[in-house]
Amino acid sequence: MSDDMERWSNQQVALVDLIDRVIGGGVVISGDVVIGIAGVDLVYLGLRLVLAPAHEVEESVALRRRSA
Protein backbone atom coordinates (compact mmCIF):
# COMPACT_ATOMS: atom_id res chain seq x y z
CA MET A 1 0.00 0.00 0.00
CA SER A 2 1.29 3.50 -0.79
CA ASP A 3 1.94 6.05 1.94
CA ASP A 4 -1.12 8.11 0.89
CA MET A 5 -3.40 5.08 1.05
CA GLU A 6 -2.10 4.12 4.48
CA ARG A 7 -2.56 7.67 5.74
CA TRP A 8 -6.19 7.78 4.54
CA SER A 9 -7.03 4.27 5.74
CA ASN A 10 -5.96 5.15 9.29
CA GLN A 11 -7.70 8.53 9.37
CA GLN A 12 -11.42 9.17 9.70
CA VAL A 13 -12.66 11.79 7.26
CA ALA A 14 -16.01 13.50 7.74
CA LEU A 15 -18.34 13.34 4.75
CA VAL A 16 -18.44 17.13 4.52
CA ASP A 17 -14.63 17.23 4.26
CA LEU A 18 -14.65 14.63 1.51
CA ILE A 19 -17.31 16.52 -0.46
CA ASP A 20 -15.40 19.78 0.01
CA ARG A 21 -12.23 18.23 -1.42
CA VAL A 22 -14.04 16.70 -4.39
CA ILE A 23 -15.98 19.85 -5.28
CA GLY A 24 -12.89 22.00 -4.68
CA GLY A 25 -11.24 20.29 -7.63
CA GLY A 26 -14.38 20.21 -9.74
CA VAL A 27 -16.43 17.21 -10.77
CA VAL A 28 -18.46 16.37 -13.86
CA ILE A 29 -21.15 13.71 -13.57
CA SER A 30 -22.87 12.54 -16.72
CA GLY A 31 -25.48 9.96 -17.47
CA ASP A 32 -28.23 8.91 -19.83
CA VAL A 33 -31.81 7.96 -19.05
CA VAL A 34 -34.00 6.24 -21.64
CA ILE A 35 -37.69 5.56 -21.00
CA GLY A 36 -39.32 3.09 -23.32
CA ILE A 37 -42.26 0.73 -23.65
CA ALA A 38 -42.18 -2.58 -25.51
CA GLY A 39 -38.70 -1.94 -26.88
CA VAL A 40 -39.62 1.50 -28.27
CA ASP A 41 -37.63 4.41 -26.82
CA LEU A 42 -40.02 7.22 -25.95
CA VAL A 43 -37.89 9.64 -23.93
CA TYR A 44 -34.13 10.17 -23.90
CA LEU A 45 -32.45 12.41 -21.32
CA GLY A 46 -28.76 13.26 -21.53
CA LEU A 47 -27.73 14.57 -18.14
CA ARG A 48 -24.58 16.49 -17.24
CA LEU A 49 -23.92 17.91 -13.80
CA VAL A 50 -20.93 20.13 -13.11
CA LEU A 51 -19.93 20.76 -9.52
CA ALA A 52 -17.26 23.39 -9.02
CA PRO A 53 -16.55 26.27 -6.66
CA ALA A 54 -18.20 29.52 -7.76
CA HIS A 55 -14.92 31.44 -7.83
CA GLU A 56 -13.42 28.86 -10.21
CA VAL A 57 -16.37 29.19 -12.58
CA GLU A 58 -16.23 33.00 -12.47
CA GLU A 59 -12.50 32.94 -13.31
CA SER A 60 -13.08 30.55 -16.20
CA VAL A 61 -15.87 32.69 -17.65
CA ALA A 62 -13.78 35.85 -17.29
CA LEU A 63 -10.86 34.22 -19.13
CA ARG A 64 -13.12 33.11 -21.97
CA ARG A 65 -14.60 36.60 -22.33
CA ARG A 66 -11.14 38.17 -22.51
CA SER A 67 -9.94 35.75 -25.18
CA ALA A 68 -13.10 36.14 -27.32
C-alpha atoms as a PDB file:
ATOM      1  CA  MET A   1       0.000   0.000   0.000  1.00  0.00           C
ATOM      2  CA  SER A   2       1.288   3.495  -0.787  1.00  0.00           C
ATOM      3  CA  ASP A   3       1.935   6.054   1.936  1.00  0.00           C
ATOM      4  CA  ASP A   4      -1.121   8.110   0.886  1.00  0.00           C
ATOM      5  CA  MET A   5      -3.404   5.085   1.045  1.00  0.00           C
ATOM      6  CA  GLU A   6      -2.098   4.122   4.481  1.00  0.00           C
ATOM      7  CA  ARG A   7      -2.556   7.666   5.736  1.00  0.00           C
ATOM      8  CA  TRP A   8      -6.189   7.778   4.539  1.00  0.00           C
ATOM      9  CA  SER A   9      -7.034   4.275   5.744  1.00  0.00           C
ATOM     10  CA  ASN A  10      -5.957   5.151   9.293  1.00  0.00           C
ATOM     11  CA  GLN A  11      -7.701   8.533   9.366  1.00  0.00           C
ATOM     12  CA  GLN A  12     -11.421   9.172   9.700  1.00  0.00           C
ATOM     13  CA  VAL A  13     -12.658  11.786   7.261  1.00  0.00           C
ATOM     14  CA  ALA A  14     -16.009  13.497   7.738  1.00  0.00           C
ATOM     15  CA  LEU A  15     -18.341  13.339   4.749  1.00  0.00           C
ATOM     16  CA  VAL A  16     -18.443  17.131   4.519  1.00  0.00           C
ATOM     17  CA  ASP A  17     -14.628  17.232   4.263  1.00  0.00           C
ATOM     18  CA  LEU A  18     -14.648  14.635   1.512  1.00  0.00           C
ATOM     19  CA  ILE A  19     -17.307  16.525  -0.463  1.00  0.00           C
ATOM     20  CA  ASP A  20     -15.401  19.776   0.013  1.00  0.00           C
ATOM     21  CA  ARG A  21     -12.228  18.230  -1.424  1.00  0.00           C
ATOM     22  CA  VAL A  22     -14.039  16.698  -4.387  1.00  0.00           C
ATOM     23  CA  ILE A  23     -15.982  19.851  -5.278  1.00  0.00           C
ATOM     24  CA  GLY A  24     -12.885  22.003  -4.685  1.00  0.00           C
ATOM     25  CA  GLY A  25     -11.239  20.294  -7.627  1.00  0.00           C
ATOM     26  CA  GLY A  26     -14.379  20.214  -9.738  1.00  0.00           C
ATOM     27  CA  VAL A  27     -16.431  17.208 -10.770  1.00  0.00           C
ATOM     28  CA  VAL A  28     -18.457  16.371 -13.857  1.00  0.00           C
ATOM     29  CA  ILE A  29     -21.146  13.713 -13.567  1.00  0.00           C
ATOM     30  CA  SER A  30     -22.866  12.544 -16.719  1.00  0.00           C
ATOM     31  CA  GLY A  31     -25.478   9.956 -17.471  1.00  0.00           C
ATOM     32  CA  ASP A  32     -28.235   8.907 -19.826  1.00  0.00           C
ATOM     33  CA  VAL A  33     -31.808   7.955 -19.046  1.00  0.00           C
ATOM     34  CA  VAL A  34     -33.998   6.244 -21.636  1.00  0.00           C
ATOM     35  CA  ILE A  35     -37.685   5.555 -20.996  1.00  0.00           C
ATOM     36  CA  GLY A  36     -39.321   3.092 -23.325  1.00  0.00           C
ATOM     37  CA  ILE A  37     -42.256   0.733 -23.654  1.00  0.00           C
ATOM     38  CA  ALA A  38     -42.179  -2.581 -25.511  1.00  0.00           C
ATOM     39  CA  GLY A  39     -38.704  -1.935 -26.881  1.00  0.00           C
ATOM     40  CA  VAL A  40     -39.615   1.501 -28.265  1.00  0.00           C
ATOM     41  CA  ASP A  41     -37.629   4.408 -26.816  1.00  0.00           C
ATOM     42  CA  LEU A  42     -40.025   7.218 -25.945  1.00  0.00           C
ATOM     43  CA  VAL A  43     -37.889   9.640 -23.926  1.00  0.00           C
ATOM     44  CA  TYR A  44     -34.134  10.168 -23.900  1.00  0.00           C
ATOM     45  CA  LEU A  45     -32.453  12.407 -21.325  1.00  0.00           C
ATOM     46  CA  GLY A  46     -28.759  13.264 -21.533  1.00  0.00           C
ATOM     47  CA  LEU A  47     -27.728  14.570 -18.136  1.00  0.00           C
ATOM     48  CA  ARG A  48     -24.582  16.488 -17.241  1.00  0.00           C
ATOM     49  CA  LEU A  49     -23.922  17.906 -13.799  1.00  0.00           C
ATOM     50  CA  VAL A  50     -20.928  20.125 -13.111  1.00  0.00           C
ATOM     51  CA  LEU A  51     -19.935  20.759  -9.518  1.00  0.00           C
ATOM     52  CA  ALA A  52     -17.262  23.391  -9.019  1.00  0.00           C
ATOM     53  CA  PRO A  53     -16.554  26.266  -6.663  1.00  0.00           C
ATOM     54  CA  ALA A  54     -18.200  29.525  -7.764  1.00  0.00           C
ATOM     55  CA  HIS A  55     -14.918  31.442  -7.826  1.00  0.00           C
ATOM     56  CA  GLU A  56     -13.423  28.860 -10.213  1.00  0.00           C
ATOM     57  CA  VAL A  57     -16.374  29.187 -12.579  1.00  0.00           C
ATOM     58  CA  GLU A  58     -16.227  32.996 -12.468  1.00  0.00           C
ATOM     59  CA  GLU A  59     -12.502  32.945 -13.314  1.00  0.00           C
ATOM     60  CA  SER A  60     -13.082  30.548 -16.196  1.00  0.00           C
ATOM     61  CA  VAL A  61     -15.873  32.688 -17.647  1.00  0.00           C
ATOM     62  CA  ALA A  62     -13.781  35.852 -17.287  1.00  0.00           C
ATOM     63  CA  LEU A  63     -10.857  34.223 -19.131  1.00  0.00           C
ATOM     64  CA  ARG A  64     -13.121  33.113 -21.971  1.00  0.00           C
ATOM     65  CA  ARG A  65     -14.602  36.603 -22.330  1.00  0.00           C
ATOM     66  CA  ARG A  66     -11.139  38.174 -22.508  1.00  0.00           C
ATOM     67  CA  SER A  67      -9.944  35.747 -25.177  1.00  0.00           C
ATOM     68  CA  ALA A  68     -13.096  36.143 -27.325  1.00  0.00           C
END
